[in-house]
């Protein structure tokens, strides 16, 4: 059973994005995302959980764009279905997690996440007070 998940601000692994071909001859992009969680403890200190390594597969026309524009150590936001795979190896049972991405985007820089953008006009400048048709003392 697959569940939908969104991971924010995850780091692309050291091998970057690799363009591969499926058995049916279709291109797809694959990379490892490093994902960890954190929370504040009762004292207000941040606690970090273990880093998880999740394989991400991107199919369709986005695969080539992703492979051409994303490199190792870039940060991404990923939404897709996540599946857990288990198998038996010579060293015992193994497992992995894979996200089949529906959407991959670059995160908004943290400095801009809570800033309101100025209301610029078509000329790229902030609206001025006064000017054509402006009234200094509006009676209502």
C-alpha atoms as a PDB file:
ATOM      1  CA  UNK A   1       0.000   0.000   0.000  1.00  0.00           C
ATOM      2  CA  UNK A   2       1.381   3.415  -0.963  1.00  0.00           C
ATOM      3  CA  UNK A   3       0.841   6.607   0.995  1.00  0.00           C
ATOM      4  CA  UNK A   4       1.316  10.195  -0.154  1.00  0.00           C
ATOM      5  CA  UNK A   5       4.066  12.141   1.577  1.00  0.00           C
ATOM      6  CA  UNK A   6       5.676  15.568   1.269  1.00  0.00           C
ATOM      7  CA  UNK A   7       9.245  16.123   2.411  1.00  0.00           C
ATOM      8  CA  UNK A   8      10.456  19.685   2.756  1.00  0.00           C
ATOM      9  CA  UNK A   9      14.009  20.921   2.378  1.00  0.00           C
ATOM     10  CA  UNK A  10      15.655  17.512   1.887  1.00  0.00           C
ATOM     11  CA  UNK A  11      19.233  17.261   0.681  1.00  0.00           C
ATOM     12  CA  UNK A  12      20.190  15.454  -2.548  1.00  0.00           C
ATOM     13  CA  UNK A  13      22.781  12.745  -1.864  1.00  0.00           C
ATOM     14  CA  UNK A  14      26.420  12.807  -2.942  1.00  0.00           C
ATOM     15  CA  UNK A  15      25.767  11.023  -6.267  1.00  0.00           C
ATOM     16  CA  UNK A  16      23.339  13.723  -7.420  1.00  0.00           C
ATOM     17  CA  UNK A  17      20.565  12.932  -9.880  1.00  0.00           C
ATOM     18  CA  UNK A  18      21.110  10.045 -12.270  1.00  0.00           C
ATOM     19  CA  UNK A  19      19.155   9.677 -15.498  1.00  0.00           C
ATOM     20  CA  UNK A  20      18.181   6.037 -16.055  1.00  0.00           C
ATOM     21  CA  UNK A  21      16.037   4.026 -18.451  1.00  0.00           C
ATOM     22  CA  UNK A  22      13.248   1.680 -17.403  1.00  0.00           C
ATOM     23  CA  UNK A  23      12.796  -1.822 -18.820  1.00  0.00           C
ATOM     24  CA  UNK A  24      10.123  -0.387 -21.118  1.00  0.00           C
ATOM     25  CA  UNK A  25      12.575   2.194 -22.516  1.00  0.00           C
ATOM     26  CA  UNK A  26      11.318   5.297 -20.693  1.00  0.00           C
ATOM     27  CA  UNK A  27      13.652   7.793 -19.047  1.00  0.00           C
ATOM     28  CA  UNK A  28      13.440   8.429 -15.335  1.00  0.00           C
ATOM     29  CA  UNK A  29      15.565  10.304 -12.836  1.00  0.00           C
ATOM     30  CA  UNK A  30      16.720   8.769  -9.575  1.00  0.00           C
ATOM     31  CA  UNK A  31      18.471  10.223  -6.551  1.00  0.00           C
ATOM     32  CA  UNK A  32      18.870   9.644  -2.840  1.00  0.00           C
ATOM     33  CA  UNK A  33      17.313  12.207  -0.515  1.00  0.00           C
ATOM     34  CA  UNK A  34      18.673  12.683   3.003  1.00  0.00           C
ATOM     35  CA  UNK A  35      15.794  13.261   5.389  1.00  0.00           C
ATOM     36  CA  UNK A  36      15.831  13.842   9.110  1.00  0.00           C
ATOM     37  CA  UNK A  37      13.309  15.077  11.609  1.00  0.00           C
ATOM     38  CA  UNK A  38      13.659  17.325  14.616  1.00  0.00           C
ATOM     39  CA  UNK A  39      11.581  18.466  17.538  1.00  0.00           C
ATOM     40  CA  UNK A  40      11.905  20.614  20.628  1.00  0.00           C
ATOM     41  CA  UNK A  41      12.208  18.855  23.961  1.00  0.00           C
ATOM     42  CA  UNK A  42      10.528  20.078  27.164  1.00  0.00           C
ATOM     43  CA  UNK A  43      13.417  22.450  27.834  1.00  0.00           C
ATOM     44  CA  UNK A  44      12.992  24.031  24.397  1.00  0.00           C
ATOM     45  CA  UNK A  45      16.179  22.521  22.984  1.00  0.00           C
ATOM     46  CA  UNK A  46      16.133  21.099  19.467  1.00  0.00           C
ATOM     47  CA  UNK A  47      16.556  17.307  19.211  1.00  0.00           C
ATOM     48  CA  UNK A  48      17.486  15.783  15.865  1.00  0.00           C
ATOM     49  CA  UNK A  49      16.461  12.310  14.810  1.00  0.00           C
ATOM     50  CA  UNK A  50      18.560   9.948  12.712  1.00  0.00           C
ATOM     51  CA  UNK A  51      19.130  10.724   9.037  1.00  0.00           C
ATOM     52  CA  UNK A  52      17.060   8.555   6.712  1.00  0.00           C
ATOM     53  CA  UNK A  53      18.055   7.778   3.141  1.00  0.00           C
ATOM     54  CA  UNK A  54      15.117   7.655   0.732  1.00  0.00           C
ATOM     55  CA  UNK A  55      15.381   6.777  -2.962  1.00  0.00           C
ATOM     56  CA  UNK A  56      13.377   9.169  -5.157  1.00  0.00           C
ATOM     57  CA  UNK A  57      12.222   8.289  -8.684  1.00  0.00           C
ATOM     58  CA  UNK A  58      10.866  10.918 -11.072  1.00  0.00           C
ATOM     59  CA  UNK A  59       9.199   9.829 -14.309  1.00  0.00           C
ATOM     60  CA  UNK A  60       8.029  11.705 -17.381  1.00  0.00           C
ATOM     61  CA  UNK A  61       9.308  14.872 -18.981  1.00  0.00           C
ATOM     62  CA  UNK A  62      10.482  16.223 -15.615  1.00  0.00           C
ATOM     63  CA  UNK A  63      13.157  13.523 -15.369  1.00  0.00           C
ATOM     64  CA  UNK A  64      15.527  15.087 -17.909  1.00  0.00           C
ATOM     65  CA  UNK A  65      14.982  18.608 -16.541  1.00  0.00           C
ATOM     66  CA  UNK A  66      15.711  17.417 -13.028  1.00  0.00           C
ATOM     67  CA  UNK A  67      18.861  15.541 -14.077  1.00  0.00           C
ATOM     68  CA  UNK A  68      20.130  18.636 -15.921  1.00  0.00           C
ATOM     69  CA  UNK A  69      19.443  21.175 -13.183  1.00  0.00           C
ATOM     70  CA  UNK A  70      19.884  19.482  -9.792  1.00  0.00           C
ATOM     71  CA  UNK A  71      23.256  18.472  -8.350  1.00  0.00           C
ATOM     72  CA  UNK A  72      24.511  16.786  -5.194  1.00  0.00           C
ATOM     73  CA  UNK A  73      23.857  18.728  -1.980  1.00  0.00           C
ATOM     74  CA  UNK A  74      21.003  20.785  -3.489  1.00  0.00           C
ATOM     75  CA  UNK A  75      17.858  21.067  -1.383  1.00  0.00           C
ATOM     76  CA  UNK A  76      14.412  20.093  -2.703  1.00  0.00           C
ATOM     77  CA  UNK A  77      10.782  19.758  -1.676  1.00  0.00           C
ATOM     78  CA  UNK A  78       9.312  16.409  -2.790  1.00  0.00           C
ATOM     79  CA  UNK A  79       5.717  15.176  -2.949  1.00  0.00           C
ATOM     80  CA  UNK A  80       4.776  11.681  -4.064  1.00  0.00           C
ATOM     81  CA  UNK A  81       3.808   8.206  -2.998  1.00  0.00           C
ATOM     82  CA  UNK A  82       6.133   6.372  -0.652  1.00  0.00           C
ATOM     83  CA  UNK A  83       6.551   2.619  -0.655  1.00  0.00           C
ATOM     84  CA  UNK A  84       8.430   0.313   1.677  1.00  0.00           C
ATOM     85  CA  UNK A  85      10.272  -2.622   0.085  1.00  0.00           C
ATOM     86  CA  UNK A  86      11.635  -5.638   1.962  1.00  0.00           C
ATOM     87  CA  UNK A  87      13.774  -8.508   0.709  1.00  0.00           C
ATOM     88  CA  UNK A  88      16.036 -11.246   1.952  1.00  0.00           C
ATOM     89  CA  UNK A  89      19.795 -10.905   1.379  1.00  0.00           C
ATOM     90  CA  UNK A  90      22.748 -13.077   2.315  1.00  0.00           C
ATOM     91  CA  UNK A  91      23.140 -10.863   5.405  1.00  0.00           C
ATOM     92  CA  UNK A  92      19.522 -11.238   6.518  1.00  0.00           C
ATOM     93  CA  UNK A  93      16.367  -9.211   5.905  1.00  0.00           C
ATOM     94  CA  UNK A  94      16.802  -5.798   4.262  1.00  0.00           C
ATOM     95  CA  UNK A  95      14.447  -2.926   3.534  1.00  0.00           C
ATOM     96  CA  UNK A  96      14.325   0.401   1.716  1.00  0.00           C
ATOM     97  CA  UNK A  97      11.968   3.309   1.178  1.00  0.00           C
ATOM     98  CA  UNK A  98      11.227   4.766  -2.272  1.00  0.00           C
ATOM     99  CA  UNK A  99       9.249   7.866  -3.189  1.00  0.00           C
ATOM    100  CA  UNK A 100       7.653   7.952  -6.638  1.00  0.00           C
ATOM    101  CA  UNK A 101       7.583  11.724  -6.998  1.00  0.00           C
ATOM    102  CA  UNK A 102       4.630  13.590  -8.427  1.00  0.00           C
ATOM    103  CA  UNK A 103       6.233  16.967  -7.755  1.00  0.00           C
ATOM    104  CA  UNK A 104       9.804  18.133  -7.103  1.00  0.00           C
ATOM    105  CA  UNK A 105      10.517  21.814  -6.477  1.00  0.00           C
ATOM    106  CA  UNK A 106      13.221  23.960  -4.970  1.00  0.00           C
ATOM    107  CA  UNK A 107      12.320  25.262  -1.523  1.00  0.00           C
ATOM    108  CA  UNK A 108      11.726  28.928  -0.919  1.00  0.00           C
ATOM    109  CA  UNK A 109      14.839  30.419   0.704  1.00  0.00           C
ATOM    110  CA  UNK A 110      14.286  30.638   4.457  1.00  0.00           C
ATOM    111  CA  UNK A 111      14.967  34.386   4.547  1.00  0.00           C
ATOM    112  CA  UNK A 112      12.022  34.948   2.196  1.00  0.00           C
ATOM    113  CA  UNK A 113       9.500  32.536   3.694  1.00  0.00           C
ATOM    114  CA  UNK A 114       7.928  35.082   6.024  1.00  0.00           C
ATOM    115  CA  UNK A 115       8.579  38.342   4.192  1.00  0.00           C
ATOM    116  CA  UNK A 116       5.796  40.068   2.353  1.00  0.00           C
ATOM    117  CA  UNK A 117       6.870  41.258  -1.069  1.00  0.00           C
ATOM    118  CA  UNK A 118       6.332  44.971  -1.854  1.00  0.00           C
ATOM    119  CA  UNK A 119       3.418  45.820  -4.091  1.00  0.00           C
ATOM    120  CA  UNK A 120       5.370  46.975  -7.157  1.00  0.00           C
ATOM    121  CA  UNK A 121       3.811  48.494 -10.222  1.00  0.00           C
ATOM    122  CA  UNK A 122       4.589  47.491 -13.817  1.00  0.00           C
ATOM    123  CA  UNK A 123       7.779  49.605 -13.839  1.00  0.00           C
ATOM    124  CA  UNK A 124       9.305  47.680 -10.925  1.00  0.00           C
ATOM    125  CA  UNK A 125       9.067  50.483  -8.380  1.00  0.00           C
ATOM    126  CA  UNK A 126       6.993  50.769  -5.236  1.00  0.00           C
ATOM    127  CA  UNK A 127       3.842  52.871  -5.549  1.00  0.00           C
ATOM    128  CA  UNK A 128       4.451  56.484  -4.662  1.00  0.00           C
ATOM    129  CA  UNK A 129       2.228  58.745  -2.640  1.00  0.00           C
ATOM    130  CA  UNK A 130       0.895  61.602  -4.621  1.00  0.00           C
ATOM    131  CA  UNK A 131       1.233  61.801  -8.399  1.00  0.00           C
ATOM    132  CA  UNK A 132      -1.452  62.143 -11.051  1.00  0.00           C
ATOM    133  CA  UNK A 133      -4.919  62.236  -9.502  1.00  0.00           C
ATOM    134  CA  UNK A 134      -3.661  61.927  -5.915  1.00  0.00           C
ATOM    135  CA  UNK A 135      -5.278  63.980  -3.213  1.00  0.00           C
ATOM    136  CA  UNK A 136      -3.382  64.850  -0.080  1.00  0.00           C
ATOM    137  CA  UNK A 137      -6.399  65.435   2.129  1.00  0.00           C
ATOM    138  CA  UNK A 138      -9.206  63.047   1.305  1.00  0.00           C
ATOM    139  CA  UNK A 139     -12.291  64.118   3.300  1.00  0.00           C
ATOM    140  CA  UNK A 140     -13.683  60.585   3.744  1.00  0.00           C
END
